Amino acid sequence: MVNPFDDDTLTFLVLANDDNQHSLWPSRHAVPAGWRVVHDEDTRENSLAWIETHWHDLRPAGAAK
């Protein structure tokens, strides 16, 4: 069985939480509480590229202040 987070045949969402931490998320799964969609359904490759382009500071937002 392929881990859904590693499956290039699926589509993904990019999520962010209140600390502006980002996550790749299989679009067939419900978005977990505390997370919001910041990049709509796309390929795994494009979703990872979006994260790389838009998430520069890996520290939680509260720690960056």
PDB file of N, CA and C in Angstrom:
ATOM      1  N   MET A   1       0.847  -1.180   0.000  1.00  0.00           N
ATOM      2  CA  MET A   1       0.000   0.000   0.000  1.00  0.00           C
ATOM      3  C   MET A   1       0.891   1.241   0.000  1.00  0.00           C
ATOM      4  N   VAL A   2       0.558   2.196  -0.841  1.00  0.00           N
ATOM      5  CA  VAL A   2       1.315   3.431  -0.947  1.00  0.00           C
ATOM      6  C   VAL A   2       0.782   4.427   0.081  1.00  0.00           C
ATOM      7  N   ASN A   3       1.692   5.085   0.775  1.00  0.00           N
ATOM      8  CA  ASN A   3       1.315   6.146   1.702  1.00  0.00           C
ATOM      9  C   ASN A   3       0.638   7.247   0.883  1.00  0.00           C
ATOM     10  N   PRO A   4      -0.575   7.705   1.254  1.00  0.00           N
ATOM     11  CA  PRO A   4      -1.261   8.705   0.442  1.00  0.00           C
ATOM     12  C   PRO A   4      -0.485  10.018   0.310  1.00  0.00           C
ATOM     13  N   PHE A   5       0.419  10.314   1.235  1.00  0.00           N
ATOM     14  CA  PHE A   5       1.200  11.541   1.160  1.00  0.00           C
ATOM     15  C   PHE A   5       2.330  11.432   0.138  1.00  0.00           C
ATOM     16  N   ASP A   6       2.632  10.220  -0.288  1.00  0.00           N
ATOM     17  CA  ASP A   6       3.696   9.973  -1.262  1.00  0.00           C
ATOM     18  C   ASP A   6       3.174   9.531  -2.623  1.00  0.00           C
ATOM     19  N   ASP A   7       1.867   9.498  -2.799  1.00  0.00           N
ATOM     20  CA  ASP A   7       1.254   8.958  -4.009  1.00  0.00           C
ATOM     21  C   ASP A   7       1.127  10.045  -5.079  1.00  0.00           C
ATOM     22  N   ASP A   8       1.963   9.982  -6.101  1.00  0.00           N
ATOM     23  CA  ASP A   8       1.951  10.973  -7.176  1.00  0.00           C
ATOM     24  C   ASP A   8       0.705  10.912  -8.056  1.00  0.00           C
ATOM     25  N   THR A   9      -0.121   9.894  -7.899  1.00  0.00           N
ATOM     26  CA  THR A   9      -1.333   9.795  -8.713  1.00  0.00           C
ATOM     27  C   THR A   9      -2.508  10.541  -8.092  1.00  0.00           C
ATOM     28  N   LEU A  10      -2.376  10.976  -6.858  1.00  0.00           N
ATOM     29  CA  LEU A  10      -3.448  11.697  -6.170  1.00  0.00           C
ATOM     30  C   LEU A  10      -3.310  13.195  -6.387  1.00  0.00           C
ATOM     31  N   THR A  11      -4.366  13.916  -6.057  1.00  0.00           N
ATOM     32  CA  THR A  11      -4.291  15.372  -6.022  1.00  0.00           C
ATOM     33  C   THR A  11      -4.213  15.811  -4.563  1.00  0.00           C
ATOM     34  N   PHE A  12      -3.661  17.009  -4.367  1.00  0.00           N
ATOM     35  CA  PHE A  12      -3.379  17.486  -3.016  1.00  0.00           C
ATOM     36  C   PHE A  12      -3.848  18.912  -2.822  1.00  0.00           C
ATOM     37  N   LEU A  13      -3.996  19.272  -1.566  1.00  0.00           N
ATOM     38  CA  LEU A  13      -4.228  20.636  -1.134  1.00  0.00           C
ATOM     39  C   LEU A  13      -2.995  21.068  -0.362  1.00  0.00           C
ATOM     40  N   VAL A  14      -2.775  22.366  -0.287  1.00  0.00           N
ATOM     41  CA  VAL A  14      -1.780  22.889   0.641  1.00  0.00           C
ATOM     42  C   VAL A  14      -2.567  23.575   1.749  1.00  0.00           C
ATOM     43  N   LEU A  15      -2.276  23.175   2.970  1.00  0.00           N
ATOM     44  CA  LEU A  15      -2.958  23.720   4.137  1.00  0.00           C
ATOM     45  C   LEU A  15      -2.007  24.585   4.947  1.00  0.00           C
ATOM     46  N   ALA A  16      -2.574  25.484   5.735  1.00  0.00           N
ATOM     47  CA  ALA A  16      -1.796  26.271   6.693  1.00  0.00           C
ATOM     48  C   ALA A  16      -2.598  26.345   7.986  1.00  0.00           C
ATOM     49  N   ASN A  17      -1.879  26.443   9.095  1.00  0.00           N
ATOM     50  CA  ASN A  17      -2.549  26.593  10.388  1.00  0.00           C
ATOM     51  C   ASN A  17      -2.367  28.029  10.880  1.00  0.00           C
ATOM     52  N   ASP A  18      -2.829  28.306  12.097  1.00  0.00           N
ATOM     53  CA  ASP A  18      -2.752  29.663  12.637  1.00  0.00           C
ATOM     54  C   ASP A  18      -1.318  30.133  12.852  1.00  0.00           C
ATOM     55  N   ASP A  19      -0.372  29.218  12.951  1.00  0.00           N
ATOM     56  CA  ASP A  19       1.047  29.575  13.084  1.00  0.00           C
ATOM     57  C   ASP A  19       1.722  29.708  11.727  1.00  0.00           C
ATOM     58  N   ASN A  20       0.932  29.651  10.659  1.00  0.00           N
ATOM     59  CA  ASN A  20       1.411  29.753   9.280  1.00  0.00           C
ATOM     60  C   ASN A  20       2.357  28.613   8.900  1.00  0.00           C
ATOM     61  N   GLN A  21       2.213  27.475   9.565  1.00  0.00           N
ATOM     62  CA  GLN A  21       2.932  26.272   9.165  1.00  0.00           C
ATOM     63  C   GLN A  21       2.124  25.628   8.047  1.00  0.00           C
ATOM     64  N   HIS A  22       2.789  25.074   7.057  1.00  0.00           N
ATOM     65  CA  HIS A  22       2.122  24.522   5.881  1.00  0.00           C
ATOM     66  C   HIS A  22       2.199  22.995   5.867  1.00  0.00           C
ATOM     67  N   SER A  23       1.232  22.401   5.182  1.00  0.00           N
ATOM     68  CA  SER A  23       1.174  20.951   5.083  1.00  0.00           C
ATOM     69  C   SER A  23       0.618  20.544   3.723  1.00  0.00           C
ATOM     70  N   LEU A  24       1.207  19.519   3.158  1.00  0.00           N
ATOM     71  CA  LEU A  24       0.679  18.875   1.958  1.00  0.00           C
ATOM     72  C   LEU A  24      -0.413  17.921   2.440  1.00  0.00           C
ATOM     73  N   TRP A  25      -1.586  17.944   1.792  1.00  0.00           N
ATOM     74  CA  TRP A  25      -2.709  17.154   2.282  1.00  0.00           C
ATOM     75  C   TRP A  25      -3.463  16.522   1.112  1.00  0.00           C
ATOM     76  N   PRO A  26      -3.651  15.187   1.127  1.00  0.00           N
ATOM     77  CA  PRO A  26      -4.422  14.541   0.056  1.00  0.00           C
ATOM     78  C   PRO A  26      -5.831  15.135  -0.012  1.00  0.00           C
ATOM     79  N   SER A  27      -6.250  15.556  -1.190  1.00  0.00           N
ATOM     80  CA  SER A  27      -7.528  16.254  -1.324  1.00  0.00           C
ATOM     81  C   SER A  27      -8.728  15.357  -1.054  1.00  0.00           C
ATOM     82  N   ARG A  28      -8.557  14.063  -1.091  1.00  0.00           N
ATOM     83  CA  ARG A  28      -9.687  13.159  -0.833  1.00  0.00           C
ATOM     84  C   ARG A  28     -10.001  13.036   0.653  1.00  0.00           C
ATOM     85  N   HIS A  29      -9.144  13.590   1.508  1.00  0.00           N
ATOM     86  CA  HIS A  29      -9.361  13.558   2.956  1.00  0.00           C
ATOM     87  C   HIS A  29      -9.868  14.908   3.441  1.00  0.00           C
ATOM     88  N   ALA A  30     -10.719  14.878   4.450  1.00  0.00           N
ATOM     89  CA  ALA A  30     -11.255  16.116   5.014  1.00  0.00           C
ATOM     90  C   ALA A  30     -10.123  16.961   5.605  1.00  0.00           C
ATOM     91  N   VAL A  31     -10.259  18.261   5.469  1.00  0.00           N
ATOM     92  CA  VAL A  31      -9.284  19.182   6.055  1.00  0.00           C
ATOM     93  C   VAL A  31      -9.451  19.130   7.575  1.00  0.00           C
ATOM     94  N   PRO A  32      -8.359  18.880   8.305  1.00  0.00           N
ATOM     95  CA  PRO A  32      -8.470  18.769   9.759  1.00  0.00           C
ATOM     96  C   PRO A  32      -8.759  20.119  10.424  1.00  0.00           C
ATOM     97  N   ALA A  33      -9.374  20.052  11.580  1.00  0.00           N
ATOM     98  CA  ALA A  33      -9.676  21.254  12.354  1.00  0.00           C
ATOM     99  C   ALA A  33      -8.395  22.028  12.628  1.00  0.00           C
ATOM    100  N   GLY A  34      -8.486  23.336  12.526  1.00  0.00           N
ATOM    101  CA  GLY A  34      -7.342  24.189  12.794  1.00  0.00           C
ATOM    102  C   GLY A  34      -6.485  24.479  11.575  1.00  0.00           C
ATOM    103  N   TRP A  35      -6.856  23.927  10.433  1.00  0.00           N
ATOM    104  CA  TRP A  35      -6.109  24.136   9.188  1.00  0.00           C
ATOM    105  C   TRP A  35      -7.042  24.744   8.150  1.00  0.00           C
ATOM    106  N   ARG A  36      -6.476  25.510   7.225  1.00  0.00           N
ATOM    107  CA  ARG A  36      -7.251  26.121   6.132  1.00  0.00           C
ATOM    108  C   ARG A  36      -6.516  25.865   4.818  1.00  0.00           C
ATOM    109  N   VAL A  37      -7.255  25.843   3.736  1.00  0.00           N
ATOM    110  CA  VAL A  37      -6.678  25.631   2.404  1.00  0.00           C
ATOM    111  C   VAL A  37      -6.063  26.945   1.929  1.00  0.00           C
ATOM    112  N   VAL A  38      -4.775  26.904   1.540  1.00  0.00           N
ATOM    113  CA  VAL A  38      -4.105  28.085   0.992  1.00  0.00           C
ATOM    114  C   VAL A  38      -3.717  27.889  -0.476  1.00  0.00           C
ATOM    115  N   HIS A  39      -3.823  26.651  -0.956  1.00  0.00           N
ATOM    116  CA  HIS A  39      -3.600  26.350  -2.378  1.00  0.00           C
ATOM    117  C   HIS A  39      -4.550  25.213  -2.739  1.00  0.00           C
ATOM    118  N   ASP A  40      -5.395  25.465  -3.726  1.00  0.00           N
ATOM    119  CA  ASP A  40      -6.428  24.500  -4.105  1.00  0.00           C
ATOM    120  C   ASP A  40      -5.860  23.226  -4.708  1.00  0.00           C
ATOM    121  N   GLU A  41      -6.728  22.278  -4.911  1.00  0.00           N
ATOM    122  CA  GLU A  41      -6.388  20.953  -5.429  1.00  0.00           C
ATOM    123  C   GLU A  41      -5.471  21.043  -6.647  1.00  0.00           C
ATOM    124  N   ASP A  42      -4.390  20.273  -6.577  1.00  0.00           N
ATOM    125  CA  ASP A  42      -3.370  20.310  -7.622  1.00  0.00           C
ATOM    126  C   ASP A  42      -2.577  19.005  -7.549  1.00  0.00           C
ATOM    127  N   THR A  43      -1.650  18.849  -8.467  1.00  0.00           N
ATOM    128  CA  THR A  43      -0.788  17.666  -8.423  1.00  0.00           C
ATOM    129  C   THR A  43       0.119  17.744  -7.191  1.00  0.00           C
ATOM    130  N   ARG A  44       0.682  16.620  -6.813  1.00  0.00           N
ATOM    131  CA  ARG A  44       1.618  16.591  -5.686  1.00  0.00           C
ATOM    132  C   ARG A  44       2.828  17.467  -5.993  1.00  0.00           C
ATOM    133  N   GLU A  45       3.352  17.348  -7.191  1.00  0.00           N
ATOM    134  CA  GLU A  45       4.522  18.121  -7.594  1.00  0.00           C
ATOM    135  C   GLU A  45       4.249  19.631  -7.527  1.00  0.00           C
ATOM    136  N   ASN A  46       3.123  20.064  -8.063  1.00  0.00           N
ATOM    137  CA  ASN A  46       2.789  21.490  -8.042  1.00  0.00           C
ATOM    138  C   ASN A  46       2.516  21.986  -6.622  1.00  0.00           C
ATOM    139  N   SER A  47       1.907  21.153  -5.816  1.00  0.00           N
ATOM    140  CA  SER A  47       1.636  21.533  -4.425  1.00  0.00           C
ATOM    141  C   SER A  47       2.931  21.698  -3.646  1.00  0.00           C
ATOM    142  N   LEU A  48       3.863  20.774  -3.822  1.00  0.00           N
ATOM    143  CA  LEU A  48       5.161  20.901  -3.153  1.00  0.00           C
ATOM    144  C   LEU A  48       5.919  22.130  -3.641  1.00  0.00           C
ATOM    145  N   ALA A  49       5.823  22.423  -4.927  1.00  0.00           N
ATOM    146  CA  ALA A  49       6.470  23.624  -5.471  1.00  0.00           C
ATOM    147  C   ALA A  49       5.843  24.880  -4.879  1.00  0.00           C
ATOM    148  N   TRP A  50       4.537  24.881  -4.695  1.00  0.00           N
ATOM    149  CA  TRP A  50       3.861  26.033  -4.099  1.00  0.00           C
ATOM    150  C   TRP A  50       4.370  26.251  -2.677  1.00  0.00           C
ATOM    151  N   ILE A  51       4.478  25.176  -1.912  1.00  0.00           N
ATOM    152  CA  ILE A  51       4.987  25.289  -0.541  1.00  0.00           C
ATOM    153  C   ILE A  51       6.404  25.862  -0.556  1.00  0.00           C
ATOM    154  N   GLU A  52       7.239  25.351  -1.406  1.00  0.00           N
ATOM    155  CA  GLU A  52       8.623  25.812  -1.474  1.00  0.00           C
ATOM    156  C   GLU A  52       8.705  27.296  -1.841  1.00  0.00           C
ATOM    157  N   THR A  53       7.822  27.748  -2.697  1.00  0.00           N
ATOM    158  CA  THR A  53       7.821  29.137  -3.142  1.00  0.00           C
ATOM    159  C   THR A  53       7.242  30.093  -2.091  1.00  0.00           C
ATOM    160  N   HIS A  54       6.249  29.645  -1.330  1.00  0.00           N
ATOM    161  CA  HIS A  54       5.493  30.545  -0.458  1.00  0.00           C
ATOM    162  C   HIS A  54       5.780  30.413   1.035  1.00  0.00           C
ATOM    163  N   TRP A  55       6.406  29.355   1.467  1.00  0.00           N
ATOM    164  CA  TRP A  55       6.639  29.168   2.911  1.00  0.00           C
ATOM    165  C   TRP A  55       8.132  29.250   3.164  1.00  0.00           C
ATOM    166  N   HIS A  56       8.583  30.427   3.584  1.00  0.00           N
ATOM    167  CA  HIS A  56      10.015  30.674   3.740  1.00  0.00           C
ATOM    168  C   HIS A  56      10.506  30.524   5.172  1.00  0.00           C
ATOM    169  N   ASP A  57       9.684  30.892   6.125  1.00  0.00           N
ATOM    170  CA  ASP A  57      10.084  30.846   7.528  1.00  0.00           C
ATOM    171  C   ASP A  57       9.391  29.661   8.194  1.00  0.00           C
ATOM    172  N   LEU A  58      10.154  28.623   8.501  1.00  0.00           N
ATOM    173  CA  LEU A  58       9.570  27.400   9.038  1.00  0.00           C
ATOM    174  C   LEU A  58       9.175  27.519  10.509  1.00  0.00           C
ATOM    175  N   ARG A  59       9.612  28.579  11.165  1.00  0.00           N
ATOM    176  CA  ARG A  59       9.235  28.771  12.577  1.00  0.00           C
ATOM    177  C   ARG A  59       7.755  29.064  12.671  1.00  0.00           C
ATOM    178  N   PRO A  60       7.090  28.620  13.759  1.00  0.00           N
ATOM    179  CA  PRO A  60       5.696  29.014  13.970  1.00  0.00           C
ATOM    180  C   PRO A  60       5.608  30.544  13.990  1.00  0.00           C
ATOM    181  N   ALA A  61       4.530  31.091  13.481  1.00  0.00           N
ATOM    182  CA  ALA A  61       4.368  32.541  13.382  1.00  0.00           C
ATOM    183  C   ALA A  61       4.588  33.234  14.718  1.00  0.00           C
ATOM    184  N   GLY A  62       4.142  32.638  15.810  1.00  0.00           N
ATOM    185  CA  GLY A  62       4.313  33.232  17.132  1.00  0.00           C
ATOM    186  C   GLY A  62       5.774  33.313  17.542  1.00  0.00           C
ATOM    187  N   ALA A  63       6.600  32.407  17.069  1.00  0.00           N
ATOM    188  CA  ALA A  63       8.033  32.396  17.416  1.00  0.00           C
ATOM    189  C   ALA A  63       8.825  33.409  16.609  1.00  0.00           C
ATOM    190  N   ALA A  64       8.288  33.838  15.483  1.00  0.00           N
ATOM    191  CA  ALA A  64       8.996  34.765  14.598  1.00  0.00           C
ATOM    192  C   ALA A  64       8.889  36.212  15.069  1.00  0.00           C
ATOM    193  N   LYS A  65       8.047  36.457  16.064  1.00  0.00           N
ATOM    194  CA  LYS A  65       7.828  37.842  16.522  1.00  0.00           C
ATOM    195  C   LYS A  65       8.793  38.225  17.614  1.00  0.00           C
TER     196      LYS A  65
END
